[in-house]
Amino acid sequence: MNGDFTVFGTPVYWTDLIGNVAALATVVLAMRRSMWTWPVQLTGAVLLFIASINAHITGNALKQVLFGALAVYGWYKWTRGRRDDGGLAVRPATGRERTALIGAMVVGTVAIALLFTWLNSLGLHISWAPWPDAYIFVGSAVATFAQGRALLDFWWIWVLVDLVGVPLAFTSGLVVSGVVYAVFLVLVILGFRSWLKQYRSTAAVPA
């Protein structure tokens, strides 16, 4: 794998490095419930799309396309929420919403993995790891969708995604992405605590 420069003999792409810095910034901004979360995420998605194409990880590249679209969706939802409610209404998902999120992850992963496998059989070389690639793609989409709706549960969906994303990134040669995915695990826990505190403080205030 060729990169733009090397760090301790490991090739690194600038797009992978800067895109992941933007991704980390997105998590920090989300912890603070800042509206800058979304334009920063959109920027990171564009850069990581380029890095993924260079690394021939099509599933991850498609994930970034979806990230870009969901960033626009989240930006709209948060803007509307702040305008209508005077603040971002953080809340846990209902039982029905959680069932829908889990169902979407399971069904979506199977469908996308089978699609990647079929395309590979046609010689298109869409993904060298169809199942984990599909899982990361669908899980990331579900997490970002839940984030756009300000659901506390989106933080734990990211944990599930990172548990597969870390080894896949290292195996694919995207060292920076692998390190960032690992850092995400820590930030996700801190983010969940921050949002939970926000939810509890809001819920304690009489209507």
N, C-alpha and C. Protein backbone atom coordinates (compact mmCIF):
# COMPACT_ATOMS: atom_id res chain seq x y z
N MET A 1 0.85 -1.20 0.00
CA MET A 1 0.00 0.00 0.00
C MET A 1 0.88 1.24 0.00
N ASN A 2 0.67 2.16 -0.92
CA ASN A 2 1.42 3.40 -1.00
C ASN A 2 0.68 4.51 -0.26
N GLY A 3 1.43 5.40 0.38
CA GLY A 3 0.80 6.52 1.08
C GLY A 3 1.45 7.82 0.66
N ASP A 4 0.96 8.92 1.25
CA ASP A 4 1.52 10.23 0.94
C ASP A 4 2.81 10.47 1.72
N PHE A 5 2.95 9.80 2.89
CA PHE A 5 4.17 9.88 3.68
C PHE A 5 4.19 8.67 4.60
N THR A 6 5.28 8.46 5.29
CA THR A 6 5.40 7.32 6.19
C THR A 6 5.66 7.77 7.61
N VAL A 7 5.15 7.00 8.56
CA VAL A 7 5.39 7.23 9.98
C VAL A 7 5.91 5.91 10.55
N PHE A 8 7.17 5.90 10.98
CA PHE A 8 7.82 4.68 11.47
C PHE A 8 7.70 3.56 10.44
N GLY A 9 7.88 3.93 9.18
CA GLY A 9 7.85 2.95 8.11
C GLY A 9 6.46 2.57 7.64
N THR A 10 5.42 3.16 8.24
CA THR A 10 4.04 2.85 7.86
C THR A 10 3.50 3.93 6.93
N PRO A 11 3.00 3.57 5.74
CA PRO A 11 2.46 4.56 4.81
C PRO A 11 1.16 5.17 5.34
N VAL A 12 1.03 6.48 5.20
CA VAL A 12 -0.15 7.20 5.69
C VAL A 12 -0.64 8.15 4.61
N TYR A 13 -1.95 8.18 4.40
CA TYR A 13 -2.57 9.14 3.48
C TYR A 13 -2.95 10.40 4.25
N TRP A 14 -2.74 11.56 3.61
CA TRP A 14 -3.17 12.81 4.23
C TRP A 14 -4.68 12.82 4.43
N THR A 15 -5.41 12.28 3.44
CA THR A 15 -6.87 12.26 3.54
C THR A 15 -7.32 11.41 4.72
N ASP A 16 -6.61 10.31 4.97
CA ASP A 16 -6.94 9.44 6.10
C ASP A 16 -6.66 10.15 7.41
N LEU A 17 -5.53 10.86 7.47
CA LEU A 17 -5.13 11.56 8.69
C LEU A 17 -6.08 12.71 9.01
N ILE A 18 -6.26 13.63 8.05
CA ILE A 18 -7.10 14.80 8.29
C ILE A 18 -8.57 14.40 8.45
N GLY A 19 -9.00 13.42 7.64
CA GLY A 19 -10.38 12.97 7.75
C GLY A 19 -10.68 12.39 9.12
N ASN A 20 -9.72 11.67 9.70
CA ASN A 20 -9.94 11.09 11.02
C ASN A 20 -9.83 12.12 12.13
N VAL A 21 -9.03 13.17 11.91
CA VAL A 21 -9.00 14.27 12.87
C VAL A 21 -10.39 14.92 12.91
N ALA A 22 -10.97 15.10 11.72
CA ALA A 22 -12.33 15.66 11.63
C ALA A 22 -13.33 14.72 12.30
N ALA A 23 -13.14 13.41 12.13
CA ALA A 23 -14.04 12.43 12.74
C ALA A 23 -13.98 12.50 14.27
N LEU A 24 -12.76 12.63 14.80
CA LEU A 24 -12.60 12.77 16.25
C LEU A 24 -13.24 14.06 16.74
N ALA A 25 -13.02 15.14 15.97
CA ALA A 25 -13.62 16.42 16.33
C ALA A 25 -15.14 16.32 16.34
N THR A 26 -15.69 15.51 15.42
CA THR A 26 -17.13 15.32 15.36
C THR A 26 -17.66 14.72 16.66
N VAL A 27 -16.94 13.74 17.20
CA VAL A 27 -17.37 13.10 18.45
C VAL A 27 -17.32 14.10 19.60
N VAL A 28 -16.24 14.87 19.68
CA VAL A 28 -16.10 15.86 20.75
C VAL A 28 -17.21 16.90 20.65
N LEU A 29 -17.49 17.36 19.43
CA LEU A 29 -18.55 18.35 19.24
C LEU A 29 -19.92 17.77 19.56
N ALA A 30 -20.12 16.48 19.24
CA ALA A 30 -21.39 15.82 19.56
C ALA A 30 -21.57 15.73 21.07
N MET A 31 -20.47 15.48 21.79
CA MET A 31 -20.53 15.43 23.25
C MET A 31 -21.04 16.76 23.81
N ARG A 32 -20.65 17.85 23.15
CA ARG A 32 -21.05 19.18 23.59
C ARG A 32 -22.37 19.63 22.97
N ARG A 33 -22.94 18.76 22.12
CA ARG A 33 -24.19 19.04 21.41
C ARG A 33 -24.07 20.32 20.59
N SER A 34 -22.89 20.49 19.98
CA SER A 34 -22.64 21.66 19.15
C SER A 34 -23.15 21.45 17.73
N MET A 35 -23.71 22.50 17.14
CA MET A 35 -24.20 22.41 15.77
C MET A 35 -23.06 22.20 14.78
N TRP A 36 -21.82 22.52 15.18
CA TRP A 36 -20.67 22.30 14.30
C TRP A 36 -20.38 20.82 14.08
N THR A 37 -21.05 19.97 14.86
CA THR A 37 -20.89 18.52 14.69
C THR A 37 -21.09 18.12 13.23
N TRP A 38 -22.11 18.66 12.60
CA TRP A 38 -22.52 18.20 11.28
C TRP A 38 -21.65 18.69 10.13
N PRO A 39 -21.31 19.99 10.05
CA PRO A 39 -20.40 20.38 8.95
C PRO A 39 -19.03 19.74 9.06
N VAL A 40 -18.55 19.53 10.30
CA VAL A 40 -17.25 18.87 10.49
C VAL A 40 -17.36 17.41 10.06
N GLN A 41 -18.47 16.76 10.39
CA GLN A 41 -18.66 15.37 9.97
C GLN A 41 -18.73 15.27 8.44
N LEU A 42 -19.38 16.22 7.82
CA LEU A 42 -19.48 16.21 6.35
C LEU A 42 -18.10 16.33 5.71
N THR A 43 -17.27 17.20 6.26
CA THR A 43 -15.90 17.38 5.76
C THR A 43 -15.09 16.10 5.93
N GLY A 44 -15.19 15.50 7.11
CA GLY A 44 -14.46 14.26 7.37
C GLY A 44 -14.92 13.14 6.45
N ALA A 45 -16.22 13.10 6.15
CA ALA A 45 -16.75 12.05 5.28
C ALA A 45 -16.16 12.14 3.88
N VAL A 46 -16.01 13.35 3.39
CA VAL A 46 -15.45 13.54 2.04
C VAL A 46 -14.00 13.06 2.00
N LEU A 47 -13.22 13.44 3.01
CA LEU A 47 -11.81 13.06 3.04
C LEU A 47 -11.62 11.55 3.23
N LEU A 48 -12.43 10.94 4.09
CA LEU A 48 -12.30 9.51 4.34
C LEU A 48 -12.84 8.69 3.16
N PHE A 49 -13.74 9.27 2.40
CA PHE A 49 -14.19 8.61 1.18
C PHE A 49 -13.02 8.45 0.22
N ILE A 50 -12.25 9.52 0.07
CA ILE A 50 -11.09 9.49 -0.82
C ILE A 50 -10.06 8.48 -0.31
N ALA A 51 -9.82 8.48 1.01
CA ALA A 51 -8.85 7.54 1.59
C ALA A 51 -9.29 6.09 1.39
N SER A 52 -10.57 5.82 1.55
CA SER A 52 -11.09 4.47 1.41
C SER A 52 -11.01 3.97 -0.02
N ILE A 53 -11.27 4.85 -0.97
CA ILE A 53 -11.16 4.48 -2.37
C ILE A 53 -9.71 4.12 -2.69
N ASN A 54 -8.77 4.89 -2.16
CA ASN A 54 -7.35 4.60 -2.39
C ASN A 54 -6.94 3.26 -1.78
N ALA A 55 -7.59 2.89 -0.66
CA ALA A 55 -7.27 1.64 0.02
C ALA A 55 -8.13 0.48 -0.49
N HIS A 56 -8.99 0.75 -1.46
CA HIS A 56 -9.86 -0.27 -2.06
C HIS A 56 -10.81 -0.90 -1.05
N ILE A 57 -11.29 -0.09 -0.09
CA ILE A 57 -12.29 -0.56 0.88
C ILE A 57 -13.61 0.08 0.47
N THR A 58 -14.29 -0.55 -0.48
CA THR A 58 -15.48 0.04 -1.05
C THR A 58 -16.59 0.22 -0.03
N GLY A 59 -16.76 -0.75 0.86
CA GLY A 59 -17.80 -0.64 1.86
C GLY A 59 -17.60 0.58 2.74
N ASN A 60 -16.36 0.83 3.13
CA ASN A 60 -16.07 1.99 3.95
C ASN A 60 -16.28 3.27 3.17
N ALA A 61 -15.96 3.23 1.87
CA ALA A 61 -16.18 4.40 1.01
C ALA A 61 -17.67 4.71 0.91
N LEU A 62 -18.48 3.67 0.72
CA LEU A 62 -19.93 3.86 0.64
C LEU A 62 -20.46 4.38 1.98
N LYS A 63 -19.84 3.93 3.06
CA LYS A 63 -20.24 4.42 4.38
C LYS A 63 -20.06 5.93 4.47
N GLN A 64 -18.96 6.44 3.90
CA GLN A 64 -18.70 7.87 3.96
C GLN A 64 -19.72 8.66 3.13
N VAL A 65 -20.15 8.07 2.01
CA VAL A 65 -21.20 8.72 1.21
C VAL A 65 -22.47 8.85 2.04
N LEU A 66 -22.81 7.76 2.73
CA LEU A 66 -23.99 7.77 3.58
C LEU A 66 -23.81 8.75 4.73
N PHE A 67 -22.60 8.80 5.29
CA PHE A 67 -22.30 9.75 6.36
C PHE A 67 -22.57 11.18 5.91
N GLY A 68 -22.15 11.48 4.68
CA GLY A 68 -22.36 12.83 4.17
C GLY A 68 -23.84 13.17 4.10
N ALA A 69 -24.64 12.22 3.58
CA ALA A 69 -26.08 12.44 3.48
C ALA A 69 -26.72 12.56 4.87
N LEU A 70 -26.30 11.68 5.80
CA LEU A 70 -26.85 11.72 7.15
C LEU A 70 -26.40 12.95 7.93
N ALA A 71 -25.24 13.49 7.58
CA ALA A 71 -24.78 14.73 8.21
C ALA A 71 -25.73 15.87 7.86
N VAL A 72 -26.16 15.89 6.61
CA VAL A 72 -27.12 16.91 6.19
C VAL A 72 -28.44 16.71 6.93
N TYR A 73 -28.86 15.44 7.06
CA TYR A 73 -30.10 15.12 7.78
C TYR A 73 -30.00 15.54 9.24
N GLY A 74 -28.89 15.18 9.89
CA GLY A 74 -28.70 15.53 11.30
C GLY A 74 -28.65 17.03 11.52
N TRP A 75 -27.99 17.71 10.60
CA TRP A 75 -27.89 19.17 10.66
C TRP A 75 -29.29 19.79 10.65
N TYR A 76 -30.12 19.28 9.76
CA TYR A 76 -31.50 19.77 9.64
C TYR A 76 -32.29 19.47 10.91
N LYS A 77 -32.18 18.22 11.42
CA LYS A 77 -32.96 17.83 12.59
C LYS A 77 -32.54 18.63 13.83
N TRP A 78 -31.24 18.81 14.01
CA TRP A 78 -30.78 19.55 15.18
C TRP A 78 -31.17 21.02 15.08
N THR A 79 -31.06 21.59 13.90
CA THR A 79 -31.45 22.99 13.70
C THR A 79 -32.93 23.17 14.01
N ARG A 80 -33.73 22.25 13.51
CA ARG A 80 -35.18 22.31 13.74
C ARG A 80 -35.50 22.11 15.21
N GLY A 81 -34.80 21.16 15.85
CA GLY A 81 -35.04 20.90 17.26
C GLY A 81 -34.72 22.10 18.14
N ARG A 82 -33.62 22.75 17.83
CA ARG A 82 -33.23 23.94 18.61
C ARG A 82 -34.22 25.08 18.40
N ARG A 83 -34.69 25.21 17.18
CA ARG A 83 -35.63 26.28 16.87
C ARG A 83 -36.99 26.05 17.53
N ASP A 84 -37.47 24.80 17.48
CA ASP A 84 -38.79 24.49 18.01
C ASP A 84 -38.83 24.35 19.53
N ASP A 85 -37.76 23.75 20.10
CA ASP A 85 -37.77 23.46 21.53
C ASP A 85 -36.85 24.36 22.36
N GLY A 86 -36.04 25.16 21.69
CA GLY A 86 -35.11 26.02 22.39
C GLY A 86 -33.86 25.29 22.84
N GLY A 87 -33.73 24.04 22.49
CA GLY A 87 -32.55 23.25 22.84
C GLY A 87 -32.65 21.88 22.22
N LEU A 88 -31.57 21.11 22.29
CA LEU A 88 -31.56 19.78 21.71
C LEU A 88 -32.19 18.80 22.71
N ALA A 89 -33.30 18.18 22.33
CA ALA A 89 -34.03 17.28 23.23
C ALA A 89 -33.41 15.88 23.21
N VAL A 90 -32.42 15.67 24.07
CA VAL A 90 -31.76 14.37 24.19
C VAL A 90 -32.68 13.42 24.94
N ARG A 91 -32.79 12.17 24.46
CA ARG A 91 -33.66 11.20 25.11
C ARG A 91 -33.23 9.78 24.75
N PRO A 92 -33.58 8.79 25.59
CA PRO A 92 -33.32 7.39 25.23
C PRO A 92 -34.35 6.95 24.20
N ALA A 93 -34.00 5.95 23.40
CA ALA A 93 -34.94 5.43 22.41
C ALA A 93 -36.05 4.66 23.12
N THR A 94 -37.21 4.64 22.50
CA THR A 94 -38.30 3.82 23.03
C THR A 94 -38.04 2.35 22.69
N GLY A 95 -38.80 1.46 23.28
CA GLY A 95 -38.64 0.04 22.98
C GLY A 95 -38.85 -0.25 21.50
N ARG A 96 -39.83 0.41 20.91
CA ARG A 96 -40.10 0.21 19.49
C ARG A 96 -38.95 0.73 18.63
N GLU A 97 -38.39 1.88 19.02
CA GLU A 97 -37.26 2.44 18.26
C GLU A 97 -36.03 1.55 18.36
N ARG A 98 -35.78 1.00 19.54
CA ARG A 98 -34.62 0.12 19.70
C ARG A 98 -34.79 -1.15 18.87
N THR A 99 -35.98 -1.68 18.86
CA THR A 99 -36.24 -2.87 18.05
C THR A 99 -36.00 -2.56 16.56
N ALA A 100 -36.44 -1.39 16.15
CA ALA A 100 -36.27 -0.99 14.75
C ALA A 100 -34.79 -0.80 14.42
N LEU A 101 -34.02 -0.20 15.34
CA LEU A 101 -32.60 0.04 15.10
C LEU A 101 -31.83 -1.28 15.00
N ILE A 102 -32.11 -2.19 15.93
CA ILE A 102 -31.44 -3.50 15.92
C ILE A 102 -31.84 -4.29 14.67
N GLY A 103 -33.12 -4.25 14.35
CA GLY A 103 -33.59 -4.94 13.17
C GLY A 103 -32.94 -4.42 11.90
N ALA A 104 -32.80 -3.10 11.84
CA ALA A 104 -32.17 -2.49 10.66
C ALA A 104 -30.72 -2.93 10.54
N MET A 105 -30.02 -3.03 11.69
CA MET A 105 -28.62 -3.47 11.65
C MET A 105 -28.49 -4.91 11.17
N VAL A 106 -29.35 -5.79 11.69
CA VAL A 106 -29.26 -7.21 11.33
C VAL A 106 -29.64 -7.43 9.86
N VAL A 107 -30.81 -6.95 9.49
CA VAL A 107 -31.29 -7.15 8.11
C VAL A 107 -30.38 -6.43 7.12
N GLY A 108 -30.01 -5.20 7.46
CA GLY A 108 -29.16 -4.42 6.56
C GLY A 108 -27.80 -5.06 6.36
N THR A 109 -27.21 -5.57 7.44
CA THR A 109 -25.89 -6.21 7.33
C THR A 109 -25.93 -7.43 6.43
N VAL A 110 -26.94 -8.27 6.61
CA VAL A 110 -27.07 -9.47 5.78
C VAL A 110 -27.26 -9.09 4.32
N ALA A 111 -28.15 -8.13 4.07
CA ALA A 111 -28.45 -7.73 2.69
C ALA A 111 -27.23 -7.14 2.00
N ILE A 112 -26.53 -6.23 2.69
CA ILE A 112 -25.36 -5.57 2.08
C ILE A 112 -24.21 -6.56 1.91
N ALA A 113 -24.02 -7.45 2.87
CA ALA A 113 -22.94 -8.44 2.76
C ALA A 113 -23.17 -9.37 1.57
N LEU A 114 -24.41 -9.81 1.41
CA LEU A 114 -24.73 -10.66 0.26
C LEU A 114 -24.55 -9.91 -1.05
N LEU A 115 -24.87 -8.62 -1.04
CA LEU A 115 -24.68 -7.80 -2.24
C LEU A 115 -23.20 -7.67 -2.58
N PHE A 116 -22.38 -7.38 -1.55
CA PHE A 116 -20.94 -7.27 -1.78
C PHE A 116 -20.36 -8.59 -2.28
N THR A 117 -20.81 -9.70 -1.67
CA THR A 117 -20.31 -11.01 -2.08
C THR A 117 -20.68 -11.31 -3.53
N TRP A 118 -21.89 -10.99 -3.89
CA TRP A 118 -22.35 -11.22 -5.27
C TRP A 118 -21.56 -10.38 -6.26
N LEU A 119 -21.34 -9.10 -5.92
CA LEU A 119 -20.57 -8.23 -6.80
C LEU A 119 -19.13 -8.71 -6.93
N ASN A 120 -18.59 -9.22 -5.83
CA ASN A 120 -17.23 -9.78 -5.89
C ASN A 120 -17.18 -10.97 -6.85
N SER A 121 -18.24 -11.79 -6.83
CA SER A 121 -18.27 -12.96 -7.71
C SER A 121 -18.32 -12.57 -9.18
N LEU A 122 -18.76 -11.34 -9.43
CA LEU A 122 -18.80 -10.84 -10.81
C LEU A 122 -17.47 -10.24 -11.24
N GLY A 123 -16.51 -10.26 -10.31
CA GLY A 123 -15.19 -9.72 -10.63
C GLY A 123 -15.05 -8.24 -10.40
N LEU A 124 -15.99 -7.64 -9.67
CA LEU A 124 -15.94 -6.19 -9.45
C LEU A 124 -15.06 -5.81 -8.26
N HIS A 125 -14.72 -6.80 -7.41
CA HIS A 125 -13.83 -6.56 -6.25
C HIS A 125 -14.32 -5.40 -5.39
N ILE A 126 -15.58 -5.45 -5.02
CA ILE A 126 -16.18 -4.40 -4.20
C ILE A 126 -15.58 -4.36 -2.80
N SER A 127 -15.37 -5.54 -2.22
CA SER A 127 -14.84 -5.60 -0.86
C SER A 127 -14.11 -6.91 -0.64
N TRP A 128 -12.95 -6.85 0.03
CA TRP A 128 -12.21 -8.06 0.33
C TRP A 128 -12.73 -8.71 1.62
N ALA A 129 -13.56 -7.97 2.37
CA ALA A 129 -14.15 -8.51 3.61
C ALA A 129 -15.62 -8.11 3.66
N PRO A 130 -16.47 -8.75 2.85
CA PRO A 130 -17.87 -8.34 2.71
C PRO A 130 -18.67 -8.25 4.00
N TRP A 131 -18.54 -9.24 4.88
CA TRP A 131 -19.38 -9.24 6.08
C TRP A 131 -19.00 -8.15 7.09
N PRO A 132 -17.74 -8.02 7.49
CA PRO A 132 -17.41 -6.92 8.40
C PRO A 132 -17.59 -5.56 7.74
N ASP A 133 -17.31 -5.48 6.44
CA ASP A 133 -17.50 -4.23 5.71
C ASP A 133 -18.97 -3.82 5.74
N ALA A 134 -19.85 -4.80 5.50
CA ALA A 134 -21.29 -4.52 5.50
C ALA A 134 -21.77 -4.14 6.90
N TYR A 135 -21.24 -4.83 7.91
CA TYR A 135 -21.63 -4.55 9.30
C TYR A 135 -21.26 -3.11 9.68
N ILE A 136 -20.05 -2.69 9.32
CA ILE A 136 -19.60 -1.34 9.63
C ILE A 136 -20.43 -0.31 8.87
N PHE A 137 -20.69 -0.61 7.62
CA PHE A 137 -21.47 0.30 6.78
C PHE A 137 -22.87 0.52 7.36
N VAL A 138 -23.57 -0.58 7.64
CA VAL A 138 -24.94 -0.48 8.15
C VAL A 138 -24.97 0.06 9.58
N GLY A 139 -24.06 -0.43 10.43
CA GLY A 139 -24.03 0.04 11.81
C GLY A 139 -23.74 1.53 11.91
N SER A 140 -22.84 2.01 11.08
CA SER A 140 -22.52 3.44 11.09
C SER A 140 -23.71 4.27 10.64
N ALA A 141 -24.44 3.76 9.65
CA ALA A 141 -25.63 4.46 9.16
C ALA A 141 -26.70 4.54 10.25
N VAL A 142 -26.92 3.40 10.93
CA VAL A 142 -27.93 3.36 11.99
C VAL A 142 -27.53 4.29 13.14
N ALA A 143 -26.25 4.29 13.51
CA ALA A 143 -25.78 5.13 14.60
C ALA A 143 -25.94 6.61 14.27
N THR A 144 -25.58 6.99 13.05
CA THR A 144 -25.67 8.39 12.65
C THR A 144 -27.13 8.84 12.56
N PHE A 145 -27.99 7.95 12.09
CA PHE A 145 -29.42 8.26 12.05
C PHE A 145 -29.96 8.50 13.45
N ALA A 146 -29.58 7.62 14.39
CA ALA A 146 -30.03 7.77 15.78
C ALA A 146 -29.45 9.03 16.40
N GLN A 147 -28.22 9.39 16.03
CA GLN A 147 -27.60 10.62 16.52
C GLN A 147 -28.40 11.83 16.03
N GLY A 148 -28.81 11.79 14.77
CA GLY A 148 -29.59 12.89 14.22
C GLY A 148 -30.90 13.09 14.96
N ARG A 149 -31.45 12.02 15.54
CA ARG A 149 -32.69 12.10 16.30
C ARG A 149 -32.42 12.32 17.79
N ALA A 150 -31.13 12.54 18.12
CA ALA A 150 -30.70 12.83 19.50
C ALA A 150 -31.05 11.71 20.47
N LEU A 151 -30.89 10.47 20.02
CA LEU A 151 -31.15 9.31 20.88
C LEU A 151 -29.88 8.91 21.62
N LEU A 152 -29.98 8.72 22.92
CA LEU A 152 -28.83 8.31 23.72
C LEU A 152 -28.20 7.01 23.22
N ASP A 153 -29.03 6.15 22.68
CA ASP A 153 -28.58 4.83 22.27
C ASP A 153 -27.54 4.83 21.16
N PHE A 154 -27.44 5.94 20.43
CA PHE A 154 -26.50 5.96 19.30
C PHE A 154 -25.06 5.77 19.76
N TRP A 155 -24.74 6.17 20.97
CA TRP A 155 -23.37 6.01 21.47
C TRP A 155 -23.01 4.52 21.56
N TRP A 156 -23.93 3.68 22.02
CA TRP A 156 -23.64 2.26 22.18
C TRP A 156 -23.61 1.53 20.85
N ILE A 157 -24.35 2.04 19.89
CA ILE A 157 -24.26 1.45 18.55
C ILE A 157 -22.85 1.67 18.00
N TRP A 158 -22.27 2.84 18.29
CA TRP A 158 -20.90 3.12 17.85
C TRP A 158 -19.90 2.16 18.49
N VAL A 159 -20.15 1.78 19.74
CA VAL A 159 -19.26 0.81 20.40
C VAL A 159 -19.26 -0.49 19.61
N LEU A 160 -20.44 -0.96 19.23
CA LEU A 160 -20.56 -2.21 18.47
C LEU A 160 -19.86 -2.11 17.12
N VAL A 161 -19.94 -0.94 16.49
CA VAL A 161 -19.29 -0.73 15.20
C VAL A 161 -17.77 -0.71 15.36
N ASP A 162 -17.29 -0.03 16.40
CA ASP A 162 -15.85 0.10 16.61
C ASP A 162 -15.18 -1.25 16.91
N LEU A 163 -15.91 -2.15 17.55
CA LEU A 163 -15.33 -3.45 17.89
C LEU A 163 -14.92 -4.23 16.64
N VAL A 164 -15.56 -3.93 15.52
CA VAL A 164 -15.20 -4.55 14.25
C VAL A 164 -14.32 -3.61 13.43
N GLY A 165 -14.60 -2.31 13.53
CA GLY A 165 -13.87 -1.33 12.73
C GLY A 165 -12.39 -1.24 13.04
N VAL A 166 -12.01 -1.41 14.30
CA VAL A 166 -10.59 -1.30 14.68
C VAL A 166 -9.74 -2.37 13.99
N PRO A 167 -10.04 -3.65 14.14
CA PRO A 167 -9.20 -4.66 13.47
C PRO A 167 -9.27 -4.59 11.95
N LEU A 168 -10.44 -4.23 11.39
CA LEU A 168 -10.56 -4.16 9.94
C LEU A 168 -9.70 -3.04 9.37
N ALA A 169 -9.66 -1.90 10.05
CA ALA A 169 -8.86 -0.77 9.58
C ALA A 169 -7.38 -1.12 9.57
N PHE A 170 -6.89 -1.74 10.65
CA PHE A 170 -5.48 -2.12 10.72
C PHE A 170 -5.14 -3.14 9.64
N THR A 171 -6.03 -4.11 9.45
CA THR A 171 -5.79 -5.14 8.45
C THR A 171 -5.77 -4.56 7.04
N SER A 172 -6.56 -3.49 6.83
CA SER A 172 -6.64 -2.86 5.51
C SER A 172 -5.48 -1.90 5.25
N GLY A 173 -4.66 -1.64 6.27
CA GLY A 173 -3.52 -0.75 6.08
C GLY A 173 -3.79 0.69 6.45
N LEU A 174 -5.03 1.00 6.88
CA LEU A 174 -5.36 2.36 7.31
C LEU A 174 -5.05 2.49 8.80
N VAL A 175 -3.76 2.70 9.08
CA VAL A 175 -3.30 2.71 10.47
C VAL A 175 -3.93 3.84 11.26
N VAL A 176 -3.98 5.02 10.65
CA VAL A 176 -4.57 6.17 11.35
C VAL A 176 -6.02 5.88 11.71
N SER A 177 -6.76 5.31 10.78
CA SER A 177 -8.17 4.99 11.04
C SER A 177 -8.27 3.98 12.19
N GLY A 178 -7.37 3.00 12.23
CA GLY A 178 -7.39 2.01 13.29
C GLY A 178 -7.17 2.63 14.65
N VAL A 179 -6.20 3.54 14.74
CA VAL A 179 -5.91 4.22 16.01
C VAL A 179 -7.10 5.09 16.42
N VAL A 180 -7.66 5.80 15.44
CA VAL A 180 -8.79 6.68 15.73
C VAL A 180 -10.00 5.88 16.20
N TYR A 181 -10.27 4.75 15.56
CA TYR A 181 -11.38 3.90 15.99
C TYR A 181 -11.19 3.49 17.45
N ALA A 182 -9.95 3.21 17.83
CA ALA A 182 -9.68 2.82 19.22
C ALA A 182 -9.95 3.97 20.18
N VAL A 183 -9.53 5.18 19.78
CA VAL A 183 -9.77 6.37 20.60
C VAL A 183 -11.27 6.64 20.71
N PHE A 184 -11.99 6.33 19.63
CA PHE A 184 -13.44 6.50 19.63
C PHE A 184 -14.10 5.79 20.80
N LEU A 185 -13.61 4.60 21.13
CA LEU A 185 -14.21 3.82 22.20
C LEU A 185 -14.22 4.59 23.52
N VAL A 186 -13.14 5.30 23.77
CA VAL A 186 -13.05 6.11 24.99
C VAL A 186 -13.98 7.31 24.90
N LEU A 187 -13.95 8.00 23.76
CA LEU A 187 -14.78 9.19 23.58
C LEU A 187 -16.27 8.85 23.61
N VAL A 188 -16.60 7.68 23.08
CA VAL A 188 -18.01 7.27 23.06
C VAL A 188 -18.55 7.11 24.48
N ILE A 189 -17.76 6.51 25.35
CA ILE A 189 -18.19 6.34 26.74
C ILE A 189 -18.35 7.70 27.42
N LEU A 190 -17.40 8.60 27.17
CA LEU A 190 -17.50 9.96 27.74
C LEU A 190 -18.70 10.69 27.17
N GLY A 191 -18.94 10.51 25.88
CA GLY A 191 -20.07 11.16 25.24
C GLY A 191 -21.39 10.67 25.80
N PHE A 192 -21.48 9.35 26.00
CA PHE A 192 -22.71 8.79 26.56
C PHE A 192 -22.97 9.37 27.96
N ARG A 193 -21.93 9.46 28.78
CA ARG A 193 -22.10 10.01 30.12
C ARG A 193 -22.55 11.46 30.07
N SER A 194 -22.01 12.22 29.12
CA SER A 194 -22.38 13.62 28.98
C SER A 194 -23.84 13.78 28.57
N TRP A 195 -24.26 12.98 27.58
CA TRP A 195 -25.64 13.06 27.12
C TRP A 195 -26.61 12.54 28.18
N LEU A 196 -26.20 11.49 28.90
CA LEU A 196 -27.07 10.95 29.96
C LEU A 196 -27.27 11.97 31.06
N LYS A 197 -26.21 12.69 31.40
CA LYS A 197 -26.31 13.74 32.41
C LYS A 197 -27.25 14.84 31.93
N GLN A 198 -27.14 15.20 30.65
CA GLN A 198 -28.02 16.21 30.07
C GLN A 198 -29.48 15.74 30.12
N TYR A 199 -29.71 14.50 29.78
CA TYR A 199 -31.09 13.96 29.77
C TYR A 199 -31.67 13.94 31.19
N ARG A 200 -30.87 13.48 32.15
CA ARG A 200 -31.35 13.38 33.52
C ARG A 200 -31.65 14.76 34.11
N SER A 201 -30.80 15.75 33.80
CA SER A 201 -31.03 17.09 34.32
C SER A 201 -32.30 17.69 33.73
N THR A 202 -32.55 17.37 32.44
CA THR A 202 -33.75 17.89 31.79
C THR A 202 -35.00 17.19 32.33
N ALA A 203 -34.90 15.87 32.51
CA ALA A 203 -36.04 15.09 32.98
C ALA A 203 -36.42 15.46 34.41
N ALA A 204 -35.43 15.97 35.18
CA ALA A 204 -35.69 16.32 36.57
C ALA A 204 -36.46 17.63 36.71
N VAL A 205 -36.47 18.43 35.65
CA VAL A 205 -37.16 19.72 35.69
C VAL A 205 -38.66 19.50 35.47
N PRO A 206 -39.53 19.93 36.38
CA PRO A 206 -40.97 19.74 36.21
C PRO A 206 -41.47 20.41 34.93
N ALA A 207 -42.39 19.77 34.24
CA ALA A 207 -42.94 20.34 33.01
C ALA A 207 -43.75 21.58 33.32
